[in-house]
């Protein structure tokens, strides 16, 4: 009969799982923490000022200004639940992606 893991082992397994999830989220987005922070801050300010039209209009503006791969970034944000600018702000912050 198998012995159930003790509390320390369960914590270790949980932490490893969460770390792997963070790494997978970070790998899906071709931005580093600083870039993502700048993107979210930029988009947040514009969403507050102009609202969200349920597109990635503000996100695309930032991406184009930084000469980055817009399609790869849009795909990565979608994987994280960022299908429009307000969702980028709510779902794709650096804490959600990088932990």
N, C-alpha and C. Protein backbone atom coordinates (compact mmCIF):
# COMPACT_ATOMS: atom_id res chain seq x y z
N UNK A 1 0.85 -1.18 0.00
CA UNK A 1 0.00 0.00 0.00
C UNK A 1 0.89 1.24 0.00
N UNK A 2 0.57 2.20 -0.86
CA UNK A 2 1.37 3.42 -0.97
C UNK A 2 1.14 4.32 0.23
N UNK A 3 2.20 4.96 0.64
CA UNK A 3 2.14 5.91 1.75
C UNK A 3 1.86 7.29 1.17
N UNK A 4 0.84 8.01 1.68
CA UNK A 4 0.56 9.34 1.15
C UNK A 4 1.71 10.30 1.47
N UNK A 5 1.95 11.25 0.58
CA UNK A 5 3.03 12.20 0.83
C UNK A 5 2.74 13.04 2.07
N UNK A 6 3.79 13.41 2.76
CA UNK A 6 3.61 14.24 3.94
C UNK A 6 3.37 15.69 3.51
N UNK A 7 3.07 16.56 4.47
CA UNK A 7 2.75 17.95 4.17
C UNK A 7 3.89 18.66 3.45
N UNK A 8 5.11 18.41 3.85
CA UNK A 8 6.25 19.07 3.21
C UNK A 8 6.35 18.66 1.74
N UNK A 9 6.16 17.40 1.47
CA UNK A 9 6.23 16.92 0.09
C UNK A 9 5.09 17.50 -0.74
N UNK A 10 3.90 17.60 -0.16
CA UNK A 10 2.76 18.19 -0.87
C UNK A 10 3.04 19.66 -1.20
N UNK A 11 3.61 20.38 -0.24
CA UNK A 11 3.97 21.78 -0.49
C UNK A 11 5.01 21.88 -1.60
N UNK A 12 5.99 21.00 -1.57
CA UNK A 12 7.03 21.00 -2.59
C UNK A 12 6.42 20.73 -3.96
N UNK A 13 5.55 19.75 -4.05
CA UNK A 13 4.90 19.43 -5.32
C UNK A 13 4.04 20.60 -5.82
N UNK A 14 3.30 21.22 -4.91
CA UNK A 14 2.48 22.37 -5.26
C UNK A 14 3.34 23.51 -5.78
N UNK A 15 4.44 23.80 -5.08
CA UNK A 15 5.34 24.88 -5.48
C UNK A 15 5.96 24.60 -6.84
N UNK A 16 6.36 23.35 -7.08
CA UNK A 16 6.92 22.98 -8.38
C UNK A 16 5.89 23.15 -9.49
N UNK A 17 4.65 22.77 -9.20
CA UNK A 17 3.57 22.91 -10.17
C UNK A 17 3.33 24.38 -10.50
N UNK A 18 3.26 25.22 -9.47
CA UNK A 18 3.04 26.64 -9.68
C UNK A 18 4.20 27.28 -10.45
N UNK A 19 5.42 26.88 -10.15
CA UNK A 19 6.58 27.39 -10.86
C UNK A 19 6.51 27.00 -12.34
N UNK A 20 6.15 25.76 -12.60
CA UNK A 20 6.03 25.30 -13.98
C UNK A 20 4.93 26.06 -14.72
N UNK A 21 3.83 26.35 -14.05
CA UNK A 21 2.76 27.14 -14.65
C UNK A 21 3.25 28.55 -14.99
N UNK A 22 3.97 29.18 -14.06
CA UNK A 22 4.51 30.52 -14.31
C UNK A 22 5.47 30.51 -15.49
N UNK A 23 6.33 29.51 -15.53
CA UNK A 23 7.30 29.41 -16.64
C UNK A 23 6.59 29.22 -17.97
N UNK A 24 5.53 28.43 -17.99
CA UNK A 24 4.77 28.21 -19.22
C UNK A 24 4.07 29.50 -19.65
N UNK A 25 3.50 30.23 -18.69
CA UNK A 25 2.85 31.51 -19.03
C UNK A 25 3.88 32.49 -19.58
N UNK A 26 5.02 32.59 -18.92
CA UNK A 26 6.07 33.51 -19.36
C UNK A 26 6.59 33.13 -20.74
N UNK A 27 6.70 31.84 -21.01
CA UNK A 27 7.21 31.38 -22.30
C UNK A 27 6.22 31.68 -23.43
N UNK A 28 4.94 31.78 -23.10
CA UNK A 28 3.93 32.03 -24.14
C UNK A 28 3.93 33.49 -24.59
N UNK A 29 4.63 34.35 -23.86
CA UNK A 29 4.61 35.77 -24.15
C UNK A 29 6.03 36.26 -24.43
N UNK A 30 6.29 36.76 -25.63
CA UNK A 30 7.66 37.18 -25.97
C UNK A 30 8.03 38.56 -25.43
N UNK A 31 7.76 38.77 -24.15
CA UNK A 31 8.13 40.01 -23.46
C UNK A 31 8.78 39.65 -22.13
N UNK A 32 9.72 40.46 -21.69
CA UNK A 32 10.26 40.26 -20.35
C UNK A 32 9.39 41.04 -19.35
N UNK A 33 9.71 40.91 -18.09
CA UNK A 33 8.90 41.53 -17.03
C UNK A 33 8.81 43.05 -17.22
N UNK A 34 9.92 43.71 -17.49
CA UNK A 34 9.93 45.16 -17.64
C UNK A 34 9.09 45.61 -18.83
N UNK A 35 9.20 44.89 -19.93
CA UNK A 35 8.40 45.23 -21.11
C UNK A 35 6.91 45.04 -20.82
N UNK A 36 6.57 43.94 -20.17
CA UNK A 36 5.17 43.69 -19.87
C UNK A 36 4.62 44.74 -18.91
N UNK A 37 5.42 45.13 -17.93
CA UNK A 37 5.00 46.18 -17.00
C UNK A 37 4.73 47.48 -17.76
N UNK A 38 5.64 47.84 -18.66
CA UNK A 38 5.47 49.06 -19.44
C UNK A 38 4.23 48.98 -20.33
N UNK A 39 4.02 47.83 -20.95
CA UNK A 39 2.84 47.64 -21.80
C UNK A 39 1.56 47.81 -21.00
N UNK A 40 1.46 47.10 -19.89
CA UNK A 40 0.24 47.14 -19.09
C UNK A 40 0.00 48.55 -18.54
N UNK A 41 1.05 49.24 -18.10
CA UNK A 41 0.88 50.61 -17.61
C UNK A 41 0.37 51.53 -18.72
N UNK A 42 0.95 51.40 -19.91
CA UNK A 42 0.54 52.20 -21.06
C UNK A 42 -0.92 51.94 -21.40
N UNK A 43 -1.27 50.68 -21.52
CA UNK A 43 -2.64 50.32 -21.90
C UNK A 43 -3.62 50.72 -20.81
N UNK A 44 -3.26 50.53 -19.56
CA UNK A 44 -4.14 50.90 -18.45
C UNK A 44 -4.48 52.39 -18.49
N UNK A 45 -3.48 53.22 -18.70
CA UNK A 45 -3.71 54.67 -18.75
C UNK A 45 -4.66 55.03 -19.88
N UNK A 46 -4.49 54.41 -21.04
CA UNK A 46 -5.36 54.71 -22.17
C UNK A 46 -6.77 54.15 -21.99
N UNK A 47 -6.87 52.98 -21.39
CA UNK A 47 -8.20 52.42 -21.13
C UNK A 47 -8.96 53.31 -20.15
N UNK A 48 -8.26 53.80 -19.13
CA UNK A 48 -8.90 54.71 -18.18
C UNK A 48 -9.33 56.01 -18.85
N UNK A 49 -8.50 56.52 -19.74
CA UNK A 49 -8.79 57.80 -20.39
C UNK A 49 -9.82 57.67 -21.51
N UNK A 50 -9.72 56.60 -22.30
CA UNK A 50 -10.53 56.49 -23.51
C UNK A 50 -11.51 55.32 -23.49
N UNK A 51 -11.36 54.42 -22.54
CA UNK A 51 -12.20 53.24 -22.51
C UNK A 51 -11.63 52.13 -23.38
N UNK A 52 -12.30 51.00 -23.36
CA UNK A 52 -11.88 49.84 -24.14
C UNK A 52 -12.91 49.62 -25.24
N UNK A 53 -12.43 49.50 -26.47
CA UNK A 53 -13.33 49.23 -27.59
C UNK A 53 -13.36 47.74 -27.93
N UNK A 54 -12.87 46.93 -26.99
CA UNK A 54 -12.88 45.47 -27.10
C UNK A 54 -11.99 44.97 -28.23
N UNK A 55 -10.91 45.72 -28.48
CA UNK A 55 -9.86 45.29 -29.39
C UNK A 55 -8.53 45.47 -28.67
N UNK A 56 -7.46 45.18 -29.34
CA UNK A 56 -6.11 45.40 -28.80
C UNK A 56 -5.50 46.68 -29.38
N UNK A 57 -6.34 47.68 -29.61
CA UNK A 57 -5.89 48.92 -30.25
C UNK A 57 -4.74 49.58 -29.49
N UNK A 58 -4.89 49.78 -28.19
CA UNK A 58 -3.84 50.43 -27.40
C UNK A 58 -2.61 49.52 -27.27
N UNK A 59 -2.85 48.24 -27.13
CA UNK A 59 -1.74 47.28 -27.06
C UNK A 59 -0.94 47.34 -28.35
N UNK A 60 -1.62 47.33 -29.48
CA UNK A 60 -0.93 47.37 -30.78
C UNK A 60 -0.14 48.68 -30.95
N UNK A 61 -0.67 49.77 -30.43
CA UNK A 61 0.06 51.05 -30.49
C UNK A 61 1.39 50.94 -29.76
N UNK A 62 1.36 50.36 -28.56
CA UNK A 62 2.59 50.20 -27.77
C UNK A 62 3.55 49.25 -28.49
N UNK A 63 3.04 48.14 -28.98
CA UNK A 63 3.88 47.15 -29.65
C UNK A 63 4.55 47.76 -30.88
N UNK A 64 3.80 48.48 -31.67
CA UNK A 64 4.36 49.10 -32.87
C UNK A 64 5.41 50.15 -32.52
N UNK A 65 5.18 50.92 -31.45
CA UNK A 65 6.14 51.94 -31.02
C UNK A 65 7.45 51.32 -30.56
N UNK A 66 7.40 50.06 -30.13
CA UNK A 66 8.60 49.38 -29.66
C UNK A 66 9.14 48.39 -30.69
N UNK A 67 8.57 48.42 -31.89
CA UNK A 67 9.03 47.59 -33.02
C UNK A 67 9.15 46.11 -32.63
N UNK A 68 8.08 45.59 -32.03
CA UNK A 68 8.04 44.18 -31.61
C UNK A 68 7.08 43.40 -32.49
N UNK A 69 7.10 42.10 -32.35
CA UNK A 69 6.26 41.20 -33.14
C UNK A 69 4.83 41.22 -32.59
N UNK A 70 3.98 42.01 -33.24
CA UNK A 70 2.61 42.19 -32.76
C UNK A 70 1.79 40.92 -32.74
N UNK A 71 1.97 40.08 -33.75
CA UNK A 71 1.18 38.85 -33.82
C UNK A 71 1.57 37.90 -32.68
N UNK A 72 2.85 37.74 -32.44
CA UNK A 72 3.30 36.85 -31.36
C UNK A 72 2.85 37.37 -30.00
N UNK A 73 2.90 38.67 -29.82
CA UNK A 73 2.46 39.26 -28.55
C UNK A 73 0.96 39.11 -28.38
N UNK A 74 0.20 39.37 -29.43
CA UNK A 74 -1.26 39.20 -29.36
C UNK A 74 -1.63 37.76 -29.05
N UNK A 75 -0.94 36.82 -29.68
CA UNK A 75 -1.19 35.40 -29.41
C UNK A 75 -0.86 35.05 -27.96
N UNK A 76 0.27 35.54 -27.47
CA UNK A 76 0.66 35.28 -26.09
C UNK A 76 -0.31 35.89 -25.10
N UNK A 77 -0.75 37.11 -25.37
CA UNK A 77 -1.73 37.75 -24.48
C UNK A 77 -3.05 37.00 -24.49
N UNK A 78 -3.46 36.51 -25.65
CA UNK A 78 -4.70 35.73 -25.73
C UNK A 78 -4.60 34.47 -24.90
N UNK A 79 -3.43 33.83 -24.91
CA UNK A 79 -3.23 32.62 -24.08
C UNK A 79 -3.44 32.92 -22.60
N UNK A 80 -3.19 34.18 -22.23
CA UNK A 80 -3.31 34.59 -20.83
C UNK A 80 -4.67 35.23 -20.53
N UNK A 81 -5.55 35.28 -21.52
CA UNK A 81 -6.87 35.88 -21.31
C UNK A 81 -6.94 37.34 -21.70
N UNK A 82 -5.96 37.83 -22.45
CA UNK A 82 -5.95 39.22 -22.87
C UNK A 82 -6.40 39.37 -24.31
N UNK A 83 -7.71 39.30 -24.53
CA UNK A 83 -8.25 39.38 -25.89
C UNK A 83 -8.55 40.81 -26.32
N UNK A 84 -8.60 41.72 -25.35
CA UNK A 84 -8.80 43.13 -25.66
C UNK A 84 -8.01 43.93 -24.61
N UNK A 85 -7.95 45.24 -24.80
CA UNK A 85 -7.10 46.06 -23.94
C UNK A 85 -7.46 45.97 -22.46
N UNK A 86 -8.74 46.00 -22.13
CA UNK A 86 -9.09 45.94 -20.70
C UNK A 86 -8.72 44.57 -20.11
N UNK A 87 -8.83 43.51 -20.89
CA UNK A 87 -8.42 42.19 -20.41
C UNK A 87 -6.91 42.08 -20.28
N UNK A 88 -6.16 42.79 -21.12
CA UNK A 88 -4.70 42.82 -20.97
C UNK A 88 -4.36 43.39 -19.60
N UNK A 89 -5.03 44.49 -19.24
CA UNK A 89 -4.77 45.12 -17.94
C UNK A 89 -5.19 44.20 -16.79
N UNK A 90 -6.33 43.57 -16.91
CA UNK A 90 -6.86 42.76 -15.81
C UNK A 90 -6.22 41.38 -15.69
N UNK A 91 -5.85 40.77 -16.81
CA UNK A 91 -5.41 39.37 -16.79
C UNK A 91 -3.93 39.14 -17.07
N UNK A 92 -3.23 40.13 -17.58
CA UNK A 92 -1.90 39.88 -18.12
C UNK A 92 -0.80 40.68 -17.45
N UNK A 93 -1.02 41.11 -16.24
CA UNK A 93 0.02 41.86 -15.54
C UNK A 93 1.22 40.99 -15.22
N UNK A 94 2.33 41.62 -14.91
CA UNK A 94 3.55 40.85 -14.63
C UNK A 94 3.42 39.88 -13.47
N UNK A 95 2.61 40.21 -12.48
CA UNK A 95 2.43 39.28 -11.36
C UNK A 95 1.70 38.02 -11.80
N UNK A 96 0.74 38.17 -12.70
CA UNK A 96 0.00 37.00 -13.21
C UNK A 96 0.89 36.14 -14.09
N UNK A 97 1.80 36.77 -14.80
CA UNK A 97 2.65 36.04 -15.75
C UNK A 97 3.90 35.51 -15.09
N UNK A 98 4.59 36.36 -14.36
CA UNK A 98 5.90 35.98 -13.81
C UNK A 98 5.85 35.60 -12.33
N UNK A 99 4.72 35.81 -11.71
CA UNK A 99 4.59 35.44 -10.30
C UNK A 99 5.11 36.47 -9.35
